[in-house]
Amino acid sequence: MIFDNRNIVVRLTIRRYLSLLTFLIIMALLLLVNIIKRPFLGMDKSFYVLITCTIYVLYVVFTYFRSYNFFSFNDEGEKFVFRFISLRPFDNEKRAIEISKKEFGGFDIHKSFLSFKQELVLKLKTKKGVANYPSISITALSRKHKNMLVNSFDQLDKSI
């Protein structure tokens, strides 16, 4: 089975650019065009600028914390192949993990921050025990892809 989350990544990227564009348009309207001349609803222009900036910064921090990844999975052949690229700014390094199915020692899915962030921890059997790979963010995977991933691992356990 081979899959990736390309369509979700495209939607997330479009959402990021649209939110930036919306932020810039609102800020331009507030700062360059004299729309609010007098206090509106008891608040002046600087309050609306501050609220707009705060909302945008909170959105950026939230998406940064969720740590979205482009994620590709392939279990055909003798290895599990995971390829992933972080969508965080300044962290676009391509990473890959290949684990032989014979050495695969299991997996865990960790959820944090009220299940807003999900990470996959892969385990590898070694001579000294079980070693954990660094976690991979799977927050951007759809429920269908997460189930496909878990089913692939479960099928391996059943065949052994």
N, C-alpha and C. Protein backbone atom coordinates (compact mmCIF):
# COMPACT_ATOMS: atom_id res chain seq x y z
N MET A 1 0.85 -1.17 0.00
CA MET A 1 0.00 0.00 0.00
C MET A 1 0.90 1.24 0.00
N ILE A 2 0.55 2.16 -0.84
CA ILE A 2 1.28 3.42 -0.96
C ILE A 2 0.27 4.55 -0.84
N PHE A 3 0.60 5.54 -0.01
CA PHE A 3 -0.25 6.73 0.05
C PHE A 3 0.56 7.92 0.52
N ASP A 4 0.02 9.10 0.27
CA ASP A 4 0.57 10.34 0.80
C ASP A 4 -0.59 11.30 1.06
N ASN A 5 -0.27 12.39 1.73
CA ASN A 5 -1.31 13.37 2.09
C ASN A 5 -1.17 14.66 1.29
N ARG A 6 -0.84 14.53 0.03
CA ARG A 6 -0.59 15.69 -0.84
C ARG A 6 -1.80 16.63 -0.90
N ASN A 7 -3.01 16.07 -1.01
CA ASN A 7 -4.19 16.94 -1.13
C ASN A 7 -4.43 17.75 0.15
N ILE A 8 -4.16 17.18 1.30
CA ILE A 8 -4.32 17.91 2.56
C ILE A 8 -3.25 18.99 2.67
N VAL A 9 -2.04 18.68 2.25
CA VAL A 9 -0.95 19.66 2.30
C VAL A 9 -1.25 20.85 1.40
N VAL A 10 -1.82 20.59 0.24
CA VAL A 10 -2.18 21.68 -0.67
C VAL A 10 -3.23 22.57 -0.01
N ARG A 11 -4.25 21.95 0.61
CA ARG A 11 -5.28 22.73 1.30
C ARG A 11 -4.70 23.55 2.45
N LEU A 12 -3.78 22.96 3.21
CA LEU A 12 -3.16 23.70 4.32
C LEU A 12 -2.33 24.87 3.82
N THR A 13 -1.63 24.67 2.73
CA THR A 13 -0.82 25.74 2.15
C THR A 13 -1.70 26.87 1.63
N ILE A 14 -2.77 26.51 0.95
CA ILE A 14 -3.71 27.54 0.47
C ILE A 14 -4.30 28.30 1.64
N ARG A 15 -4.68 27.57 2.69
CA ARG A 15 -5.25 28.23 3.88
C ARG A 15 -4.25 29.19 4.51
N ARG A 16 -2.97 28.78 4.56
CA ARG A 16 -1.94 29.65 5.14
C ARG A 16 -1.78 30.93 4.33
N TYR A 17 -1.74 30.81 3.00
CA TYR A 17 -1.58 32.00 2.16
C TYR A 17 -2.83 32.88 2.17
N LEU A 18 -4.00 32.27 2.21
CA LEU A 18 -5.23 33.07 2.28
C LEU A 18 -5.34 33.81 3.61
N SER A 19 -4.92 33.17 4.69
CA SER A 19 -4.96 33.87 5.98
C SER A 19 -3.97 35.03 6.01
N LEU A 20 -2.80 34.85 5.40
CA LEU A 20 -1.83 35.95 5.31
C LEU A 20 -2.39 37.08 4.45
N LEU A 21 -2.98 36.73 3.33
CA LEU A 21 -3.55 37.74 2.44
C LEU A 21 -4.69 38.49 3.13
N THR A 22 -5.54 37.77 3.84
CA THR A 22 -6.64 38.41 4.58
C THR A 22 -6.09 39.35 5.64
N PHE A 23 -5.08 38.89 6.36
CA PHE A 23 -4.45 39.72 7.39
C PHE A 23 -3.89 41.01 6.78
N LEU A 24 -3.17 40.87 5.67
CA LEU A 24 -2.57 42.05 5.04
C LEU A 24 -3.62 43.01 4.51
N ILE A 25 -4.70 42.49 3.95
CA ILE A 25 -5.77 43.36 3.44
C ILE A 25 -6.45 44.10 4.59
N ILE A 26 -6.74 43.39 5.67
CA ILE A 26 -7.38 44.05 6.83
C ILE A 26 -6.46 45.11 7.41
N MET A 27 -5.18 44.79 7.53
CA MET A 27 -4.23 45.77 8.08
C MET A 27 -4.11 46.97 7.15
N ALA A 28 -4.08 46.74 5.85
CA ALA A 28 -3.99 47.86 4.91
C ALA A 28 -5.23 48.74 5.01
N LEU A 29 -6.39 48.12 5.12
CA LEU A 29 -7.62 48.90 5.25
C LEU A 29 -7.63 49.71 6.55
N LEU A 30 -7.17 49.09 7.62
CA LEU A 30 -7.18 49.78 8.90
C LEU A 30 -6.15 50.91 8.97
N LEU A 31 -4.96 50.66 8.41
CA LEU A 31 -3.87 51.63 8.56
C LEU A 31 -3.78 52.66 7.44
N LEU A 32 -4.05 52.24 6.20
CA LEU A 32 -3.85 53.15 5.08
C LEU A 32 -5.11 53.90 4.68
N VAL A 33 -6.23 53.23 4.75
CA VAL A 33 -7.50 53.86 4.39
C VAL A 33 -8.15 54.32 5.69
N ASN A 34 -8.62 55.49 5.68
CA ASN A 34 -9.17 56.06 6.90
C ASN A 34 -10.64 55.64 7.08
N ILE A 35 -10.83 54.33 7.28
CA ILE A 35 -12.19 53.80 7.43
C ILE A 35 -12.76 54.18 8.79
N ILE A 36 -11.98 53.98 9.82
CA ILE A 36 -12.46 54.28 11.17
C ILE A 36 -11.88 55.65 11.57
N LYS A 37 -12.72 56.67 11.44
CA LYS A 37 -12.28 58.03 11.75
C LYS A 37 -12.52 58.35 13.23
N ARG A 38 -13.62 57.89 13.73
CA ARG A 38 -13.98 58.12 15.14
C ARG A 38 -14.09 56.76 15.81
N PRO A 39 -14.06 56.75 17.14
CA PRO A 39 -14.23 55.47 17.83
C PRO A 39 -15.50 54.75 17.38
N PHE A 40 -15.34 53.47 17.07
CA PHE A 40 -16.45 52.62 16.61
C PHE A 40 -16.70 51.58 17.70
N LEU A 41 -17.92 51.52 18.17
CA LEU A 41 -18.29 50.64 19.29
C LEU A 41 -17.45 50.94 20.53
N GLY A 42 -17.09 52.17 20.68
CA GLY A 42 -16.33 52.60 21.86
C GLY A 42 -14.84 52.32 21.78
N MET A 43 -14.34 51.88 20.62
CA MET A 43 -12.92 51.55 20.48
C MET A 43 -12.35 52.24 19.25
N ASP A 44 -11.10 52.67 19.39
CA ASP A 44 -10.48 53.37 18.27
C ASP A 44 -9.75 52.40 17.34
N LYS A 45 -9.14 52.95 16.30
CA LYS A 45 -8.48 52.15 15.26
C LYS A 45 -7.37 51.27 15.82
N SER A 46 -6.61 51.76 16.77
CA SER A 46 -5.48 50.99 17.30
C SER A 46 -5.96 49.69 17.97
N PHE A 47 -7.13 49.71 18.58
CA PHE A 47 -7.66 48.50 19.19
C PHE A 47 -7.94 47.44 18.12
N TYR A 48 -8.51 47.83 16.98
CA TYR A 48 -8.81 46.88 15.92
C TYR A 48 -7.53 46.36 15.26
N VAL A 49 -6.51 47.19 15.17
CA VAL A 49 -5.21 46.74 14.66
C VAL A 49 -4.62 45.70 15.61
N LEU A 50 -4.68 45.97 16.89
CA LEU A 50 -4.16 45.04 17.90
C LEU A 50 -4.92 43.71 17.87
N ILE A 51 -6.23 43.75 17.78
CA ILE A 51 -7.04 42.53 17.73
C ILE A 51 -6.71 41.72 16.48
N THR A 52 -6.58 42.38 15.34
CA THR A 52 -6.26 41.69 14.09
C THR A 52 -4.89 41.02 14.17
N CYS A 53 -3.91 41.73 14.69
CA CYS A 53 -2.56 41.16 14.85
C CYS A 53 -2.57 39.98 15.82
N THR A 54 -3.29 40.10 16.90
CA THR A 54 -3.35 39.04 17.90
C THR A 54 -3.98 37.78 17.31
N ILE A 55 -5.07 37.93 16.58
CA ILE A 55 -5.74 36.78 15.97
C ILE A 55 -4.81 36.09 14.97
N TYR A 56 -4.12 36.87 14.15
CA TYR A 56 -3.23 36.28 13.16
C TYR A 56 -2.05 35.57 13.84
N VAL A 57 -1.46 36.19 14.84
CA VAL A 57 -0.33 35.58 15.55
C VAL A 57 -0.77 34.28 16.23
N LEU A 58 -1.94 34.26 16.84
CA LEU A 58 -2.45 33.05 17.47
C LEU A 58 -2.65 31.93 16.43
N TYR A 59 -3.15 32.30 15.26
CA TYR A 59 -3.32 31.31 14.19
C TYR A 59 -1.97 30.74 13.78
N VAL A 60 -0.97 31.58 13.60
CA VAL A 60 0.36 31.14 13.18
C VAL A 60 0.98 30.23 14.24
N VAL A 61 0.87 30.62 15.51
CA VAL A 61 1.43 29.81 16.60
C VAL A 61 0.72 28.45 16.66
N PHE A 62 -0.60 28.45 16.51
CA PHE A 62 -1.36 27.21 16.55
C PHE A 62 -0.93 26.26 15.43
N THR A 63 -0.80 26.76 14.21
CA THR A 63 -0.39 25.90 13.11
C THR A 63 1.07 25.46 13.26
N TYR A 64 1.91 26.31 13.83
CA TYR A 64 3.31 25.93 14.08
C TYR A 64 3.36 24.81 15.11
N PHE A 65 2.55 24.93 16.14
CA PHE A 65 2.54 23.92 17.20
C PHE A 65 2.04 22.57 16.68
N ARG A 66 1.07 22.59 15.79
CA ARG A 66 0.52 21.34 15.26
C ARG A 66 1.54 20.59 14.41
N SER A 67 2.52 21.30 13.88
CA SER A 67 3.64 20.70 13.16
C SER A 67 3.18 19.79 12.01
N TYR A 68 2.52 20.39 11.04
CA TYR A 68 2.05 19.63 9.89
C TYR A 68 3.23 19.13 9.07
N ASN A 69 3.08 17.92 8.51
CA ASN A 69 4.08 17.32 7.65
C ASN A 69 3.44 16.83 6.37
N PHE A 70 4.19 16.94 5.27
CA PHE A 70 3.86 16.12 4.11
C PHE A 70 4.33 14.73 4.48
N PHE A 71 3.50 13.72 4.29
CA PHE A 71 3.80 12.37 4.75
C PHE A 71 3.52 11.38 3.64
N SER A 72 4.49 10.54 3.36
CA SER A 72 4.34 9.50 2.35
C SER A 72 4.70 8.16 2.98
N PHE A 73 3.90 7.14 2.67
CA PHE A 73 4.11 5.82 3.27
C PHE A 73 4.07 4.76 2.18
N ASN A 74 4.97 3.79 2.28
CA ASN A 74 5.03 2.68 1.34
C ASN A 74 5.39 1.42 2.12
N ASP A 75 4.53 0.41 2.04
CA ASP A 75 4.84 -0.85 2.73
C ASP A 75 5.00 -2.01 1.76
N GLU A 76 5.12 -1.71 0.48
CA GLU A 76 5.33 -2.76 -0.49
C GLU A 76 6.79 -3.17 -0.48
N GLY A 77 7.05 -4.44 -0.57
CA GLY A 77 8.41 -4.93 -0.51
C GLY A 77 8.78 -5.37 0.89
N GLU A 78 10.07 -5.39 1.16
CA GLU A 78 10.59 -5.90 2.44
C GLU A 78 10.73 -4.82 3.51
N LYS A 79 10.42 -3.56 3.16
CA LYS A 79 10.63 -2.45 4.10
C LYS A 79 9.40 -1.58 4.20
N PHE A 80 9.27 -0.95 5.35
CA PHE A 80 8.35 0.18 5.49
C PHE A 80 9.16 1.43 5.14
N VAL A 81 8.63 2.26 4.29
CA VAL A 81 9.33 3.49 3.89
C VAL A 81 8.45 4.68 4.26
N PHE A 82 8.98 5.55 5.10
CA PHE A 82 8.29 6.77 5.52
C PHE A 82 9.09 7.95 4.99
N ARG A 83 8.44 8.82 4.28
CA ARG A 83 9.08 10.06 3.81
C ARG A 83 8.22 11.21 4.32
N PHE A 84 8.89 12.22 4.86
CA PHE A 84 8.13 13.33 5.40
C PHE A 84 8.95 14.61 5.33
N ILE A 85 8.21 15.71 5.16
CA ILE A 85 8.80 17.05 5.08
C ILE A 85 7.94 17.95 5.94
N SER A 86 8.56 18.66 6.85
CA SER A 86 7.82 19.57 7.71
C SER A 86 7.32 20.77 6.90
N LEU A 87 6.13 21.22 7.22
CA LEU A 87 5.57 22.40 6.57
C LEU A 87 5.87 23.66 7.37
N ARG A 88 6.62 23.52 8.44
CA ARG A 88 7.01 24.69 9.23
C ARG A 88 7.99 25.54 8.43
N PRO A 89 7.89 26.85 8.58
CA PRO A 89 8.88 27.70 7.90
C PRO A 89 10.29 27.41 8.42
N PHE A 90 11.26 27.45 7.56
CA PHE A 90 12.68 27.27 7.86
C PHE A 90 13.02 25.84 8.31
N ASP A 91 12.10 24.88 8.14
CA ASP A 91 12.36 23.50 8.53
C ASP A 91 11.85 22.57 7.43
N ASN A 92 12.29 22.80 6.21
CA ASN A 92 11.78 22.05 5.07
C ASN A 92 12.73 20.93 4.64
N GLU A 93 13.49 20.41 5.56
CA GLU A 93 14.42 19.33 5.24
C GLU A 93 13.65 18.04 4.95
N LYS A 94 14.03 17.37 3.88
CA LYS A 94 13.40 16.10 3.53
C LYS A 94 13.99 15.01 4.41
N ARG A 95 13.10 14.22 4.98
CA ARG A 95 13.55 13.14 5.86
C ARG A 95 12.91 11.84 5.41
N ALA A 96 13.58 10.74 5.69
CA ALA A 96 13.05 9.43 5.34
C ALA A 96 13.50 8.41 6.38
N ILE A 97 12.63 7.45 6.63
CA ILE A 97 12.95 6.33 7.52
C ILE A 97 12.58 5.06 6.77
N GLU A 98 13.51 4.13 6.71
CA GLU A 98 13.25 2.83 6.12
C GLU A 98 13.51 1.78 7.19
N ILE A 99 12.50 0.95 7.44
CA ILE A 99 12.62 -0.09 8.46
C ILE A 99 12.29 -1.43 7.81
N SER A 100 13.18 -2.36 7.95
CA SER A 100 12.91 -3.71 7.46
C SER A 100 11.74 -4.28 8.26
N LYS A 101 10.87 -4.99 7.58
CA LYS A 101 9.71 -5.56 8.26
C LYS A 101 10.13 -6.58 9.31
N LYS A 102 11.28 -7.22 9.11
CA LYS A 102 11.77 -8.18 10.10
C LYS A 102 12.25 -7.49 11.37
N GLU A 103 12.76 -6.27 11.23
CA GLU A 103 13.28 -5.53 12.39
C GLU A 103 12.25 -4.61 13.01
N PHE A 104 11.06 -4.50 12.42
CA PHE A 104 10.03 -3.61 12.93
C PHE A 104 9.57 -4.09 14.31
N GLY A 105 9.63 -3.20 15.28
CA GLY A 105 9.31 -3.57 16.66
C GLY A 105 8.01 -3.01 17.17
N GLY A 106 7.24 -2.36 16.32
CA GLY A 106 5.95 -1.81 16.74
C GLY A 106 5.90 -0.30 16.55
N PHE A 107 4.84 0.28 17.06
CA PHE A 107 4.63 1.71 16.92
C PHE A 107 3.73 2.20 18.05
N ASP A 108 3.77 3.48 18.28
CA ASP A 108 2.86 4.16 19.20
C ASP A 108 2.39 5.44 18.53
N ILE A 109 1.16 5.81 18.83
CA ILE A 109 0.66 7.10 18.38
C ILE A 109 0.40 7.94 19.63
N HIS A 110 1.13 9.01 19.76
CA HIS A 110 1.00 9.90 20.91
C HIS A 110 0.13 11.08 20.53
N LYS A 111 -0.80 11.40 21.39
CA LYS A 111 -1.65 12.57 21.18
C LYS A 111 -1.35 13.57 22.28
N SER A 112 -1.30 14.84 21.89
CA SER A 112 -1.05 15.89 22.88
C SER A 112 -1.90 17.10 22.57
N PHE A 113 -1.96 18.00 23.52
CA PHE A 113 -2.70 19.25 23.37
C PHE A 113 -4.13 18.99 22.91
N LEU A 114 -4.85 18.22 23.73
CA LEU A 114 -6.25 17.89 23.48
C LEU A 114 -6.44 17.20 22.13
N SER A 115 -5.50 16.36 21.75
CA SER A 115 -5.49 15.60 20.49
C SER A 115 -5.37 16.49 19.26
N PHE A 116 -4.92 17.73 19.41
CA PHE A 116 -4.69 18.58 18.26
C PHE A 116 -3.40 18.21 17.54
N LYS A 117 -2.51 17.54 18.25
CA LYS A 117 -1.23 17.15 17.67
C LYS A 117 -1.07 15.65 17.87
N GLN A 118 -0.74 14.94 16.78
CA GLN A 118 -0.55 13.50 16.85
C GLN A 118 0.80 13.15 16.25
N GLU A 119 1.50 12.26 16.93
CA GLU A 119 2.83 11.87 16.48
C GLU A 119 2.95 10.35 16.45
N LEU A 120 3.65 9.87 15.44
CA LEU A 120 3.90 8.44 15.28
C LEU A 120 5.32 8.16 15.76
N VAL A 121 5.44 7.20 16.67
CA VAL A 121 6.75 6.77 17.17
C VAL A 121 6.97 5.34 16.68
N LEU A 122 7.99 5.16 15.87
CA LEU A 122 8.31 3.85 15.31
C LEU A 122 9.36 3.17 16.18
N LYS A 123 9.24 1.85 16.31
CA LYS A 123 10.16 1.09 17.14
C LYS A 123 10.91 0.09 16.27
N LEU A 124 12.15 -0.12 16.62
CA LEU A 124 13.03 -1.00 15.86
C LEU A 124 13.63 -2.02 16.81
N LYS A 125 13.57 -3.29 16.44
CA LYS A 125 14.19 -4.34 17.25
C LYS A 125 15.70 -4.31 17.02
N THR A 126 16.44 -4.28 18.10
CA THR A 126 17.90 -4.33 18.02
C THR A 126 18.39 -5.46 18.91
N LYS A 127 19.68 -5.72 18.89
CA LYS A 127 20.25 -6.78 19.74
C LYS A 127 20.13 -6.43 21.21
N LYS A 128 20.12 -5.15 21.52
CA LYS A 128 20.06 -4.71 22.93
C LYS A 128 18.63 -4.44 23.39
N GLY A 129 17.66 -4.62 22.53
CA GLY A 129 16.27 -4.35 22.90
C GLY A 129 15.54 -3.62 21.79
N VAL A 130 14.63 -2.76 22.21
CA VAL A 130 13.83 -2.01 21.25
C VAL A 130 14.25 -0.55 21.29
N ALA A 131 14.52 0.01 20.12
CA ALA A 131 14.91 1.42 20.00
C ALA A 131 13.78 2.20 19.34
N ASN A 132 13.60 3.42 19.79
CA ASN A 132 12.57 4.29 19.23
C ASN A 132 13.19 5.29 18.26
N TYR A 133 12.54 5.46 17.12
CA TYR A 133 12.91 6.53 16.22
C TYR A 133 12.33 7.84 16.74
N PRO A 134 12.88 8.97 16.33
CA PRO A 134 12.23 10.25 16.68
C PRO A 134 10.82 10.28 16.12
N SER A 135 9.94 10.95 16.82
CA SER A 135 8.54 10.97 16.42
C SER A 135 8.33 11.72 15.11
N ILE A 136 7.28 11.30 14.40
CA ILE A 136 6.89 11.92 13.13
C ILE A 136 5.49 12.47 13.33
N SER A 137 5.30 13.73 13.03
CA SER A 137 3.98 14.33 13.16
C SER A 137 3.06 13.79 12.07
N ILE A 138 1.92 13.23 12.49
CA ILE A 138 0.92 12.73 11.54
C ILE A 138 -0.37 13.53 11.68
N THR A 139 -0.27 14.72 12.18
CA THR A 139 -1.45 15.58 12.38
C THR A 139 -2.15 15.87 11.06
N ALA A 140 -1.41 15.99 9.99
CA ALA A 140 -2.01 16.34 8.70
C ALA A 140 -2.55 15.14 7.94
N LEU A 141 -2.49 13.95 8.52
CA LEU A 141 -3.06 12.79 7.86
C LEU A 141 -4.56 12.74 8.10
N SER A 142 -5.28 12.29 7.12
CA SER A 142 -6.72 12.11 7.29
C SER A 142 -6.96 10.86 8.15
N ARG A 143 -8.15 10.74 8.68
CA ARG A 143 -8.50 9.56 9.49
C ARG A 143 -8.34 8.29 8.65
N LYS A 144 -8.71 8.36 7.38
CA LYS A 144 -8.59 7.21 6.48
C LYS A 144 -7.13 6.77 6.36
N HIS A 145 -6.23 7.71 6.16
CA HIS A 145 -4.81 7.37 6.04
C HIS A 145 -4.23 6.85 7.35
N LYS A 146 -4.66 7.41 8.46
CA LYS A 146 -4.20 6.90 9.76
C LYS A 146 -4.65 5.46 9.95
N ASN A 147 -5.89 5.17 9.58
CA ASN A 147 -6.39 3.79 9.69
C ASN A 147 -5.64 2.85 8.76
N MET A 148 -5.31 3.31 7.56
CA MET A 148 -4.55 2.49 6.62
C MET A 148 -3.16 2.18 7.19
N LEU A 149 -2.55 3.16 7.82
CA LEU A 149 -1.24 2.98 8.43
C LEU A 149 -1.30 1.95 9.55
N VAL A 150 -2.26 2.09 10.44
CA VAL A 150 -2.42 1.15 11.56
C VAL A 150 -2.74 -0.25 11.04
N ASN A 151 -3.61 -0.35 10.04
CA ASN A 151 -3.96 -1.66 9.47
C ASN A 151 -2.75 -2.34 8.84
N SER A 152 -1.88 -1.57 8.20
CA SER A 152 -0.68 -2.13 7.61
C SER A 152 0.23 -2.72 8.69
N PHE A 153 0.37 -2.01 9.79
CA PHE A 153 1.18 -2.52 10.90
C PHE A 153 0.54 -3.74 11.54
N ASP A 154 -0.78 -3.73 11.68
CA ASP A 154 -1.48 -4.86 12.28
C ASP A 154 -1.37 -6.10 11.39
N GLN A 155 -1.43 -5.93 10.07
CA GLN A 155 -1.30 -7.07 9.16
C GLN A 155 0.07 -7.71 9.30
N LEU A 156 1.10 -6.91 9.55
CA LEU A 156 2.43 -7.45 9.74
C LEU A 156 2.47 -8.30 11.01
N ASP A 157 1.83 -7.80 12.09
CA ASP A 157 1.80 -8.55 13.34
C ASP A 157 1.09 -9.89 13.18
N LYS A 158 0.03 -9.92 12.38
CA LYS A 158 -0.74 -11.14 12.17
C LYS A 158 0.04 -12.16 11.33
N SER A 159 0.87 -11.66 10.40
CA SER A 159 1.60 -12.56 9.52
C SER A 159 2.83 -13.17 10.19
N ILE A 160 3.26 -12.57 11.29
CA ILE A 160 4.47 -13.08 11.96
C ILE A 160 4.14 -14.21 12.90
